[in-house]
PDB file of N, CA and C in Angstrom:
ATOM      1  N   UNK A   1     -65.966 133.734-198.281  1.00  0.00           N
ATOM      2  CA  UNK A   1     -65.800 135.117-197.916  1.00  0.00           C
ATOM      3  C   UNK A   1     -64.555 135.293-197.047  1.00  0.00           C
ATOM      4  N   UNK A   2     -64.225 134.276-196.232  1.00  0.00           N
ATOM      5  CA  UNK A   2     -63.058 134.399-195.367  1.00  0.00           C
ATOM      6  C   UNK A   2     -61.779 134.473-196.193  1.00  0.00           C
ATOM      7  N   UNK A   3     -61.699 133.768-197.317  1.00  0.00           N
ATOM      8  CA  UNK A   3     -60.512 133.792-198.169  1.00  0.00           C
ATOM      9  C   UNK A   3     -60.284 135.158-198.784  1.00  0.00           C
ATOM     10  N   UNK A   4     -61.344 135.841-199.107  1.00  0.00           N
ATOM     11  CA  UNK A   4     -61.221 137.171-199.698  1.00  0.00           C
ATOM     12  C   UNK A   4     -60.658 138.166-198.695  1.00  0.00           C
ATOM     13  N   UNK A   5     -61.066 138.005-197.434  1.00  0.00           N
ATOM     14  CA  UNK A   5     -60.606 138.945-196.410  1.00  0.00           C
ATOM     15  C   UNK A   5     -59.098 138.833-196.203  1.00  0.00           C
ATOM     16  N   UNK A   6     -58.580 137.606-196.247  1.00  0.00           N
ATOM     17  CA  UNK A   6     -57.146 137.409-196.049  1.00  0.00           C
ATOM     18  C   UNK A   6     -56.342 138.056-197.171  1.00  0.00           C
ATOM     19  N   UNK A   7     -56.800 137.937-198.384  1.00  0.00           N
ATOM     20  CA  UNK A   7     -56.039 138.507-199.491  1.00  0.00           C
ATOM     21  C   UNK A   7     -56.057 140.032-199.460  1.00  0.00           C
ATOM     22  N   UNK A   8     -57.129 140.610-198.947  1.00  0.00           N
ATOM     23  CA  UNK A   8     -57.208 142.062-198.867  1.00  0.00           C
ATOM     24  C   UNK A   8     -56.282 142.613-197.781  1.00  0.00           C
ATOM     25  N   UNK A   9     -56.047 141.810-196.737  1.00  0.00           N
ATOM     26  CA  UNK A   9     -55.207 142.268-195.636  1.00  0.00           C
ATOM     27  C   UNK A   9     -53.729 142.159-195.985  1.00  0.00           C
ATOM     28  N   UNK A  10     -53.356 141.150-196.740  1.00  0.00           N
ATOM     29  CA  UNK A  10     -51.947 140.960-197.078  1.00  0.00           C
ATOM     30  C   UNK A  10     -51.487 142.093-197.996  1.00  0.00           C
ATOM     31  N   UNK A  11     -50.434 142.748-197.598  1.00  0.00           N
ATOM     32  CA  UNK A  11     -49.905 143.869-198.367  1.00  0.00           C
ATOM     33  C   UNK A  11     -48.488 143.565-198.810  1.00  0.00           C
ATOM     34  N   UNK A  12     -48.121 144.132-199.939  1.00  0.00           N
ATOM     35  CA  UNK A  12     -46.745 144.018-200.396  1.00  0.00           C
ATOM     36  C   UNK A  12     -45.902 145.043-199.645  1.00  0.00           C
ATOM     37  N   UNK A  13     -44.676 144.706-199.325  1.00  0.00           N
ATOM     38  CA  UNK A  13     -43.827 145.714-198.681  1.00  0.00           C
ATOM     39  C   UNK A  13     -43.566 146.847-199.657  1.00  0.00           C
ATOM     40  N   UNK A  14     -43.568 148.042-199.130  1.00  0.00           N
ATOM     41  CA  UNK A  14     -43.335 149.213-199.977  1.00  0.00           C
ATOM     42  C   UNK A  14     -41.864 149.267-200.381  1.00  0.00           C
ATOM     43  N   UNK A  15     -41.575 149.810-201.554  1.00  0.00           N
ATOM     44  CA  UNK A  15     -40.176 149.896-201.996  1.00  0.00           C
ATOM     45  C   UNK A  15     -39.325 150.745-201.063  1.00  0.00           C
ATOM     46  N   UNK A  16     -39.918 151.761-200.438  1.00  0.00           N
ATOM     47  CA  UNK A  16     -39.158 152.627-199.537  1.00  0.00           C
ATOM     48  C   UNK A  16     -38.724 151.877-198.284  1.00  0.00           C
ATOM     49  N   UNK A  17     -39.518 150.919-197.843  1.00  0.00           N
ATOM     50  CA  UNK A  17     -39.191 150.181-196.632  1.00  0.00           C
ATOM     51  C   UNK A  17     -37.989 149.274-196.842  1.00  0.00           C
ATOM     52  N   UNK A  18     -37.771 148.800-198.079  1.00  0.00           N
ATOM     53  CA  UNK A  18     -36.662 147.892-198.327  1.00  0.00           C
ATOM     54  C   UNK A  18     -35.338 148.634-198.509  1.00  0.00           C
ATOM     55  N   UNK A  19     -35.372 149.925-198.784  1.00  0.00           N
ATOM     56  CA  UNK A  19     -34.147 150.696-198.971  1.00  0.00           C
ATOM     57  C   UNK A  19     -33.520 151.036-197.635  1.00  0.00           C
ATOM     58  N   UNK A  20     -32.197 151.076-197.626  1.00  0.00           N
ATOM     59  CA  UNK A  20     -31.511 151.506-196.408  1.00  0.00           C
ATOM     60  C   UNK A  20     -31.524 153.029-196.372  1.00  0.00           C
ATOM     61  N   UNK A  21     -31.443 153.621-195.192  1.00  0.00           N
ATOM     62  CA  UNK A  21     -31.452 155.086-195.111  1.00  0.00           C
ATOM     63  C   UNK A  21     -30.225 155.654-195.817  1.00  0.00           C
ATOM     64  N   UNK A  22     -30.369 156.830-196.400  1.00  0.00           N
ATOM     65  CA  UNK A  22     -29.221 157.409-197.114  1.00  0.00           C
ATOM     66  C   UNK A  22     -28.072 157.692-196.155  1.00  0.00           C
ATOM     67  N   UNK A  23     -26.869 157.464-196.635  1.00  0.00           N
ATOM     68  CA  UNK A  23     -25.710 157.712-195.773  1.00  0.00           C
ATOM     69  C   UNK A  23     -25.457 159.211-195.690  1.00  0.00           C
ATOM     70  N   UNK A  24     -24.866 159.616-194.591  1.00  0.00           N
ATOM     71  CA  UNK A  24     -24.572 161.038-194.377  1.00  0.00           C
ATOM     72  C   UNK A  24     -23.413 161.446-195.257  1.00  0.00           C
ATOM     73  N   UNK A  25     -23.526 162.633-195.813  1.00  0.00           N
ATOM     74  CA  UNK A  25     -22.439 163.147-196.631  1.00  0.00           C
ATOM     75  C   UNK A  25     -21.329 163.650-195.727  1.00  0.00           C
ATOM     76  N   UNK A  26     -20.118 163.440-196.154  1.00  0.00           N
ATOM     77  CA  UNK A  26     -18.955 163.919-195.408  1.00  0.00           C
ATOM     78  C   UNK A  26     -18.284 165.007-196.223  1.00  0.00           C
ATOM     79  N   UNK A  27     -17.914 166.091-195.549  1.00  0.00           N
ATOM     80  CA  UNK A  27     -17.264 167.212-196.211  1.00  0.00           C
ATOM     81  C   UNK A  27     -15.853 167.360-195.666  1.00  0.00           C
ATOM     82  N   UNK A  28     -14.928 167.657-196.556  1.00  0.00           N
ATOM     83  CA  UNK A  28     -13.540 167.830-196.124  1.00  0.00           C
ATOM     84  C   UNK A  28     -13.409 169.138-195.347  1.00  0.00           C
ATOM     85  N   UNK A  29     -12.340 169.226-194.567  1.00  0.00           N
ATOM     86  CA  UNK A  29     -12.082 170.456-193.809  1.00  0.00           C
ATOM     87  C   UNK A  29     -11.876 171.639-194.754  1.00  0.00           C
ATOM     88  N   UNK A  30     -11.222 171.386-195.879  1.00  0.00           N
ATOM     89  CA  UNK A  30     -10.992 172.459-196.847  1.00  0.00           C
ATOM     90  C   UNK A  30     -12.322 172.975-197.406  1.00  0.00           C
ATOM     91  N   UNK A  31     -13.248 172.070-197.708  1.00  0.00           N
ATOM     92  CA  UNK A  31     -14.561 172.465-198.215  1.00  0.00           C
ATOM     93  C   UNK A  31     -15.286 173.309-197.175  1.00  0.00           C
ATOM     94  N   UNK A  32     -15.226 172.870-195.921  1.00  0.00           N
ATOM     95  CA  UNK A  32     -15.892 173.614-194.846  1.00  0.00           C
ATOM     96  C   UNK A  32     -15.290 175.010-194.690  1.00  0.00           C
ATOM     97  N   UNK A  33     -13.981 175.097-194.729  1.00  0.00           N
ATOM     98  CA  UNK A  33     -13.321 176.395-194.588  1.00  0.00           C
ATOM     99  C   UNK A  33     -13.675 177.315-195.749  1.00  0.00           C
ATOM    100  N   UNK A  34     -13.730 176.777-196.955  1.00  0.00           N
ATOM    101  CA  UNK A  34     -14.098 177.590-198.113  1.00  0.00           C
ATOM    102  C   UNK A  34     -15.540 178.077-198.007  1.00  0.00           C
ATOM    103  N   UNK A  35     -16.424 177.207-197.533  1.00  0.00           N
ATOM    104  CA  UNK A  35     -17.835 177.596-197.374  1.00  0.00           C
ATOM    105  C   UNK A  35     -17.972 178.701-196.334  1.00  0.00           C
ATOM    106  N   UNK A  36     -17.271 178.573-195.217  1.00  0.00           N
ATOM    107  CA  UNK A  36     -17.315 179.602-194.171  1.00  0.00           C
ATOM    108  C   UNK A  36     -16.707 180.894-194.685  1.00  0.00           C
ATOM    109  N   UNK A  37     -15.647 180.793-195.480  1.00  0.00           N
ATOM    110  CA  UNK A  37     -15.021 181.992-196.037  1.00  0.00           C
ATOM    111  C   UNK A  37     -15.987 182.734-196.955  1.00  0.00           C
ATOM    112  N   UNK A  38     -16.774 181.996-197.729  1.00  0.00           N
ATOM    113  CA  UNK A  38     -17.786 182.638-198.575  1.00  0.00           C
ATOM    114  C   UNK A  38     -18.785 183.395-197.702  1.00  0.00           C
ATOM    115  N   UNK A  39     -19.140 182.791-196.577  1.00  0.00           N
ATOM    116  CA  UNK A  39     -20.068 183.422-195.642  1.00  0.00           C
ATOM    117  C   UNK A  39     -19.452 184.703-195.077  1.00  0.00           C
ATOM    118  N   UNK A  40     -18.185 184.640-194.722  1.00  0.00           N
ATOM    119  CA  UNK A  40     -17.495 185.802-194.162  1.00  0.00           C
ATOM    120  C   UNK A  40     -17.238 186.886-195.201  1.00  0.00           C
ATOM    121  N   UNK A  41     -17.193 186.499-196.477  1.00  0.00           N
ATOM    122  CA  UNK A  41     -16.977 187.471-197.551  1.00  0.00           C
ATOM    123  C   UNK A  41     -18.227 188.284-197.853  1.00  0.00           C
ATOM    124  N   UNK A  42     -19.329 187.975-197.183  1.00  0.00           N
ATOM    125  CA  UNK A  42     -20.524 188.790-197.350  1.00  0.00           C
ATOM    126  C   UNK A  42     -21.679 188.107-198.051  1.00  0.00           C
ATOM    127  N   UNK A  43     -21.488 186.886-198.509  1.00  0.00           N
ATOM    128  CA  UNK A  43     -22.597 186.161-199.126  1.00  0.00           C
ATOM    129  C   UNK A  43     -23.565 185.713-198.029  1.00  0.00           C
ATOM    130  N   UNK A  44     -24.838 185.634-198.367  1.00  0.00           N
ATOM    131  CA  UNK A  44     -25.804 185.171-197.369  1.00  0.00           C
ATOM    132  C   UNK A  44     -25.643 183.670-197.179  1.00  0.00           C
ATOM    133  N   UNK A  45     -25.992 183.217-195.997  1.00  0.00           N
ATOM    134  CA  UNK A  45     -25.866 181.793-195.686  1.00  0.00           C
ATOM    135  C   UNK A  45     -26.764 180.968-196.599  1.00  0.00           C
ATOM    136  N   UNK A  46     -27.947 181.472-196.883  1.00  0.00           N
ATOM    137  CA  UNK A  46     -28.869 180.734-197.748  1.00  0.00           C
ATOM    138  C   UNK A  46     -28.306 180.582-199.154  1.00  0.00           C
ATOM    139  N   UNK A  47     -27.689 181.651-199.689  1.00  0.00           N
ATOM    140  CA  UNK A  47     -27.147 181.565-201.047  1.00  0.00           C
ATOM    141  C   UNK A  47     -25.938 180.630-201.098  1.00  0.00           C
ATOM    142  N   UNK A  48     -25.103 180.655-200.068  1.00  0.00           N
ATOM    143  CA  UNK A  48     -23.943 179.761-200.029  1.00  0.00           C
ATOM    144  C   UNK A  48     -24.409 178.310-199.945  1.00  0.00           C
ATOM    145  N   UNK A  49     -25.390 178.062-199.078  1.00  0.00           N
ATOM    146  CA  UNK A  49     -25.904 176.700-198.922  1.00  0.00           C
ATOM    147  C   UNK A  49     -26.503 176.203-200.233  1.00  0.00           C
ATOM    148  N   UNK A  50     -27.228 177.055-200.923  1.00  0.00           N
ATOM    149  CA  UNK A  50     -27.839 176.656-202.192  1.00  0.00           C
ATOM    150  C   UNK A  50     -26.772 176.379-203.251  1.00  0.00           C
ATOM    151  N   UNK A  51     -25.782 177.254-203.346  1.00  0.00           N
ATOM    152  CA  UNK A  51     -24.722 177.082-204.348  1.00  0.00           C
ATOM    153  C   UNK A  51     -23.936 175.798-204.133  1.00  0.00           C
ATOM    154  N   UNK A  52     -23.692 175.475-202.868  1.00  0.00           N
ATOM    155  CA  UNK A  52     -22.857 174.314-202.556  1.00  0.00           C
ATOM    156  C   UNK A  52     -23.660 173.036-202.371  1.00  0.00           C
ATOM    157  N   UNK A  53     -24.978 173.140-202.457  1.00  0.00           N
ATOM    158  CA  UNK A  53     -25.817 171.953-202.331  1.00  0.00           C
ATOM    159  C   UNK A  53     -25.922 171.432-200.918  1.00  0.00           C
ATOM    160  N   UNK A  54     -25.875 172.325-199.943  1.00  0.00           N
ATOM    161  CA  UNK A  54     -25.986 171.931-198.547  1.00  0.00           C
ATOM    162  C   UNK A  54     -27.458 171.858-198.138  1.00  0.00           C
ATOM    163  N   UNK A  55     -27.731 171.188-197.038  1.00  0.00           N
ATOM    164  CA  UNK A  55     -29.114 171.012-196.594  1.00  0.00           C
ATOM    165  C   UNK A  55     -29.748 172.320-196.138  1.00  0.00           C
ATOM    166  N   UNK A  56     -28.957 173.252-195.639  1.00  0.00           N
ATOM    167  CA  UNK A  56     -29.506 174.524-195.197  1.00  0.00           C
ATOM    168  C   UNK A  56     -28.436 175.399-194.578  1.00  0.00           C
ATOM    169  N   UNK A  57     -28.800 176.640-194.249  1.00  0.00           N
ATOM    170  CA  UNK A  57     -27.812 177.572-193.696  1.00  0.00           C
ATOM    171  C   UNK A  57     -27.361 177.217-192.278  1.00  0.00           C
ATOM    172  N   UNK A  58     -28.151 176.444-191.553  1.00  0.00           N
ATOM    173  CA  UNK A  58     -27.765 176.090-190.178  1.00  0.00           C
ATOM    174  C   UNK A  58     -26.431 175.343-190.156  1.00  0.00           C
ATOM    175  N   UNK A  59     -26.201 174.535-191.166  1.00  0.00           N
ATOM    176  CA  UNK A  59     -24.945 173.792-191.257  1.00  0.00           C
ATOM    177  C   UNK A  59     -23.762 174.751-191.383  1.00  0.00           C
ATOM    178  N   UNK A  60     -23.932 175.796-192.174  1.00  0.00           N
ATOM    179  CA  UNK A  60     -22.867 176.797-192.321  1.00  0.00           C
ATOM    180  C   UNK A  60     -22.574 177.506-191.009  1.00  0.00           C
ATOM    181  N   UNK A  61     -23.644 177.880-190.301  1.00  0.00           N
ATOM    182  CA  UNK A  61     -23.450 178.566-189.019  1.00  0.00           C
ATOM    183  C   UNK A  61     -22.750 177.651-188.017  1.00  0.00           C
ATOM    184  N   UNK A  62     -23.042 176.356-188.054  1.00  0.00           N
ATOM    185  CA  UNK A  62     -22.365 175.406-187.158  1.00  0.00           C
ATOM    186  C   UNK A  62     -20.887 175.321-187.521  1.00  0.00           C
ATOM    187  N   UNK A  63     -20.579 175.240-188.816  1.00  0.00           N
ATOM    188  CA  UNK A  63     -19.187 175.187-189.250  1.00  0.00           C
ATOM    189  C   UNK A  63     -18.450 176.458-188.858  1.00  0.00           C
ATOM    190  N   UNK A  64     -19.110 177.591-188.976  1.00  0.00           N
ATOM    191  CA  UNK A  64     -18.493 178.871-188.614  1.00  0.00           C
ATOM    192  C   UNK A  64     -18.173 178.893-187.122  1.00  0.00           C
ATOM    193  N   UNK A  65     -19.112 178.449-186.294  1.00  0.00           N
ATOM    194  CA  UNK A  65     -18.881 178.421-184.847  1.00  0.00           C
ATOM    195  C   UNK A  65     -17.734 177.483-184.500  1.00  0.00           C
ATOM    196  N   UNK A  66     -17.671 176.333-185.161  1.00  0.00           N
ATOM    197  CA  UNK A  66     -16.580 175.384-184.907  1.00  0.00           C
ATOM    198  C   UNK A  66     -15.238 175.985-185.315  1.00  0.00           C
ATOM    199  N   UNK A  67     -15.235 176.691-186.426  1.00  0.00           N
ATOM    200  CA  UNK A  67     -13.994 177.317-186.883  1.00  0.00           C
ATOM    201  C   UNK A  67     -13.551 178.412-185.917  1.00  0.00           C
ATOM    202  N   UNK A  68     -14.500 179.179-185.390  1.00  0.00           N
ATOM    203  CA  UNK A  68     -14.155 180.224-184.425  1.00  0.00           C
ATOM    204  C   UNK A  68     -13.634 179.629-183.122  1.00  0.00           C
ATOM    205  N   UNK A  69     -14.206 178.494-182.708  1.00  0.00           N
ATOM    206  CA  UNK A  69     -13.719 177.830-181.483  1.00  0.00           C
ATOM    207  C   UNK A  69     -12.267 177.396-181.649  1.00  0.00           C
ATOM    208  N   UNK A  70     -11.952 176.861-182.816  1.00  0.00           N
ATOM    209  CA  UNK A  70     -10.576 176.411-183.064  1.00  0.00           C
ATOM    210  C   UNK A  70      -9.618 177.587-183.178  1.00  0.00           C
ATOM    211  N   UNK A  71     -10.114 178.727-183.679  1.00  0.00           N
ATOM    212  CA  UNK A  71      -9.251 179.883-183.890  1.00  0.00           C
ATOM    213  C   UNK A  71      -8.936 180.623-182.595  1.00  0.00           C
ATOM    214  N   UNK A  72      -9.805 180.508-181.611  1.00  0.00           N
ATOM    215  CA  UNK A  72      -9.549 181.136-180.324  1.00  0.00           C
ATOM    216  C   UNK A  72     -10.256 182.465-180.148  1.00  0.00           C
ATOM    217  N   UNK A  73      -9.923 183.154-179.051  1.00  0.00           N
ATOM    218  CA  UNK A  73     -10.619 184.392-178.701  1.00  0.00           C
ATOM    219  C   UNK A  73     -10.368 185.544-179.663  1.00  0.00           C
ATOM    220  N   UNK A  74      -9.234 185.554-180.337  1.00  0.00           N
ATOM    221  CA  UNK A  74      -8.938 186.637-181.270  1.00  0.00           C
ATOM    222  C   UNK A  74      -9.946 186.626-182.422  1.00  0.00           C
ATOM    223  N   UNK A  75     -10.212 185.457-182.952  1.00  0.00           N
ATOM    224  CA  UNK A  75     -11.163 185.350-184.055  1.00  0.00           C
ATOM    225  C   UNK A  75     -12.564 185.735-183.603  1.00  0.00           C
ATOM    226  N   UNK A  76     -12.937 185.359-182.389  1.00  0.00           N
ATOM    227  CA  UNK A  76     -14.257 185.709-181.871  1.00  0.00           C
ATOM    228  C   UNK A  76     -14.392 187.218-181.721  1.00  0.00           C
ATOM    229  N   UNK A  77     -13.337 187.872-181.233  1.00  0.00           N
ATOM    230  CA  UNK A  77     -13.400 189.326-181.083  1.00  0.00           C
ATOM    231  C   UNK A  77     -13.435 190.014-182.453  1.00  0.00           C
ATOM    232  N   UNK A  78     -12.744 189.439-183.426  1.00  0.00           N
ATOM    233  CA  UNK A  78     -12.801 189.991-184.782  1.00  0.00           C
ATOM    234  C   UNK A  78     -14.199 189.839-185.372  1.00  0.00           C
ATOM    235  N   UNK A  79     -14.830 188.716-185.101  1.00  0.00           N
ATOM    236  CA  UNK A  79     -16.192 188.495-185.587  1.00  0.00           C
ATOM    237  C   UNK A  79     -17.146 189.513-184.971  1.00  0.00           C
ATOM    238  N   UNK A  80     -16.971 189.789-183.678  1.00  0.00           N
ATOM    239  CA  UNK A  80     -17.799 190.807-183.021  1.00  0.00           C
ATOM    240  C   UNK A  80     -17.554 192.183-183.632  1.00  0.00           C
ATOM    241  N   UNK A  81     -16.303 192.475-183.919  1.00  0.00           N
ATOM    242  CA  UNK A  81     -15.962 193.777-184.511  1.00  0.00           C
ATOM    243  C   UNK A  81     -16.575 193.921-185.907  1.00  0.00           C
ATOM    244  N   UNK A  82     -16.564 192.835-186.668  1.00  0.00           N
ATOM    245  CA  UNK A  82     -17.165 192.861-188.003  1.00  0.00           C
ATOM    246  C   UNK A  82     -18.654 193.168-187.892  1.00  0.00           C
ATOM    247  N   UNK A  83     -19.330 192.566-186.926  1.00  0.00           N
ATOM    248  CA  UNK A  83     -20.767 192.838-186.732  1.00  0.00           C
ATOM    249  C   UNK A  83     -21.002 194.306-186.385  1.00  0.00           C
ATOM    250  N   UNK A  84     -20.156 194.853-185.515  1.00  0.00           N
ATOM    251  CA  UNK A  84     -20.286 196.272-185.152  1.00  0.00           C
ATOM    252  C   UNK A  84     -20.097 197.170-186.369  1.00  0.00           C
ATOM    253  N   UNK A  85     -19.085 196.870-187.168  1.00  0.00           N
ATOM    254  CA  UNK A  85     -18.809 197.687-188.343  1.00  0.00           C
ATOM    255  C   UNK A  85     -19.916 197.566-189.399  1.00  0.00           C
ATOM    256  N   UNK A  86     -20.487 196.377-189.539  1.00  0.00           N
ATOM    257  CA  UNK A  86     -21.598 196.211-190.481  1.00  0.00           C
ATOM    258  C   UNK A  86     -22.807 197.020-190.037  1.00  0.00           C
ATOM    259  N   UNK A  87     -23.078 197.049-188.731  1.00  0.00           N
ATOM    260  CA  UNK A  87     -24.201 197.844-188.216  1.00  0.00           C
ATOM    261  C   UNK A  87     -23.944 199.334-188.442  1.00  0.00           C
ATOM    262  N   UNK A  88     -22.701 199.764-188.217  1.00  0.00           N
ATOM    263  CA  UNK A  88     -22.364 201.172-188.431  1.00  0.00           C
ATOM    264  C   UNK A  88     -22.472 201.532-189.915  1.00  0.00           C
ATOM    265  N   UNK A  89     -22.023 200.640-190.778  1.00  0.00           N
ATOM    266  CA  UNK A  89     -22.130 200.876-192.213  1.00  0.00           C
ATOM    267  C   UNK A  89     -23.588 201.023-192.640  1.00  0.00           C
ATOM    268  N   UNK A  90     -24.450 200.196-192.102  1.00  0.00           N
ATOM    269  CA  UNK A  90     -25.875 200.285-192.414  1.00  0.00           C
ATOM    270  C   UNK A  90     -26.445 201.636-191.974  1.00  0.00           C
ATOM    271  N   UNK A  91     -26.066 202.070-190.774  1.00  0.00           N
ATOM    272  CA  UNK A  91     -26.547 203.355-190.251  1.00  0.00           C
ATOM    273  C   UNK A  91     -26.062 204.516-191.120  1.00  0.00           C
ATOM    274  N   UNK A  92     -24.784 204.512-191.471  1.00  0.00           N
ATOM    275  CA  UNK A  92     -24.220 205.594-192.270  1.00  0.00           C
ATOM    276  C   UNK A  92     -24.818 205.594-193.680  1.00  0.00           C
ATOM    277  N   UNK A  93     -25.067 204.433-194.239  1.00  0.00           N
ATOM    278  CA  UNK A  93     -25.694 204.345-195.562  1.00  0.00           C
ATOM    279  C   UNK A  93     -27.090 204.943-195.533  1.00  0.00           C
ATOM    280  N   UNK A  94     -27.844 204.650-194.490  1.00  0.00           N
ATOM    281  CA  UNK A  94     -29.179 205.233-194.363  1.00  0.00           C
ATOM    282  C   UNK A  94     -29.106 206.755-194.237  1.00  0.00           C
ATOM    283  N   UNK A  95     -28.162 207.248-193.441  1.00  0.00           N
ATOM    284  CA  UNK A  95     -27.993 208.701-193.293  1.00  0.00           C
ATOM    285  C   UNK A  95     -27.656 209.348-194.634  1.00  0.00           C
ATOM    286  N   UNK A  96     -26.763 208.728-195.392  1.00  0.00           N
ATOM    287  CA  UNK A  96     -26.391 209.261-196.694  1.00  0.00           C
ATOM    288  C   UNK A  96     -27.603 209.328-197.621  1.00  0.00           C
ATOM    289  N   UNK A  97     -28.419 208.261-197.630  1.00  0.00           N
ATOM    290  CA  UNK A  97     -29.598 208.236-198.494  1.00  0.00           C
ATOM    291  C   UNK A  97     -30.583 209.338-198.115  1.00  0.00           C
ATOM    292  N   UNK A  98     -30.737 209.574-196.826  1.00  0.00           N
ATOM    293  CA  UNK A  98     -31.642 210.646-196.367  1.00  0.00           C
ATOM    294  C   UNK A  98     -31.106 212.001-196.814  1.00  0.00           C
ATOM    295  N   UNK A  99     -29.799 212.220-196.671  1.00  0.00           N
ATOM    296  CA  UNK A  99     -29.208 213.486-197.087  1.00  0.00           C
ATOM    297  C   UNK A  99     -29.321 213.699-198.598  1.00  0.00           C
ATOM    298  N   UNK A 100     -29.185 212.635-199.379  1.00  0.00           N
ATOM    299  CA  UNK A 100     -29.350 212.758-200.829  1.00  0.00           C
ATOM    300  C   UNK A 100     -30.764 213.201-201.173  1.00  0.00           C
ATOM    301  N   UNK A 101     -31.747 212.583-200.494  1.00  0.00           N
ATOM    302  CA  UNK A 101     -33.141 212.946-200.753  1.00  0.00           C
ATOM    303  C   UNK A 101     -33.407 214.392-200.343  1.00  0.00           C
ATOM    304  N   UNK A 102     -32.846 214.798-199.209  1.00  0.00           N
ATOM    305  CA  UNK A 102     -33.031 216.182-198.747  1.00  0.00           C
ATOM    306  C   UNK A 102     -32.392 217.159-199.728  1.00  0.00           C
ATOM    307  N   UNK A 103     -31.229 216.840-200.241  1.00  0.00           N
ATOM    308  CA  UNK A 103     -30.549 217.693-201.206  1.00  0.00           C
ATOM    309  C   UNK A 103     -31.364 217.808-202.491  1.00  0.00           C
ATOM    310  N   UNK A 104     -31.964 216.726-202.907  1.00  0.00           N
ATOM    311  CA  UNK A 104     -32.798 216.758-204.112  1.00  0.00           C
ATOM    312  C   UNK A 104     -34.023 217.641-203.905  1.00  0.00           C
ATOM    313  N   UNK A 105     -34.605 217.591-202.729  1.00  0.00           N
ATOM    314  CA  UNK A 105     -35.792 218.404-202.421  1.00  0.00           C
ATOM    315  C   UNK A 105     -35.416 219.880-202.372  1.00  0.00           C
ATOM    316  N   UNK A 106     -34.320 220.209-201.707  1.00  0.00           N
ATOM    317  CA  UNK A 106     -33.858 221.591-201.592  1.00  0.00           C
ATOM    318  C   UNK A 106     -33.474 222.123-202.978  1.00  0.00           C
ATOM    319  N   UNK A 107     -32.867 221.297-203.798  1.00  0.00           N
ATOM    320  CA  UNK A 107     -32.445 221.711-205.131  1.00  0.00           C
ATOM    321  C   UNK A 107     -33.633 222.027-206.035  1.00  0.00           C
ATOM    322  N   UNK A 108     -34.732 221.338-205.853  1.00  0.00           N
ATOM    323  CA  UNK A 108     -35.929 221.587-206.637  1.00  0.00           C
ATOM    324  C   UNK A 108     -36.560 222.930-206.292  1.00  0.00           C
ATOM    325  N   UNK A 109     -36.484 223.314-205.050  1.00  0.00           N
ATOM    326  CA  UNK A 109     -37.132 224.545-204.590  1.00  0.00           C
ATOM    327  C   UNK A 109     -36.385 225.802-205.011  1.00  0.00           C
ATOM    328  N   UNK A 110     -35.141 225.682-205.382  1.00  0.00           N
ATOM    329  CA  UNK A 110     -34.357 226.875-205.741  1.00  0.00           C
ATOM    330  C   UNK A 110     -34.547 227.280-207.159  1.00  0.00           C
TER     331      UNK A 110
END
């Protein structure tokens, strides 16, 4: 009975344990700049990451922050201005949609 117990305890090493961890992918500066440019052109971070085969959108946001640091305060102020203009565009678009609906309602009553 003791011999049986020893054979049950001995395990084969798993195939995953013998493999070395995957090496980190390296991206060129040009690739990073193009990816950030896609983000700045209005594509969502998730869609850019999926298209380019990246691990997730957080990597894009990190690259964007690094690019802004290298560009200096002018680029940071431009990024802030873009955010302000996008918020204003959203507000004006909503106002336009409300006015269209109101015009349709008024037009029906006449």
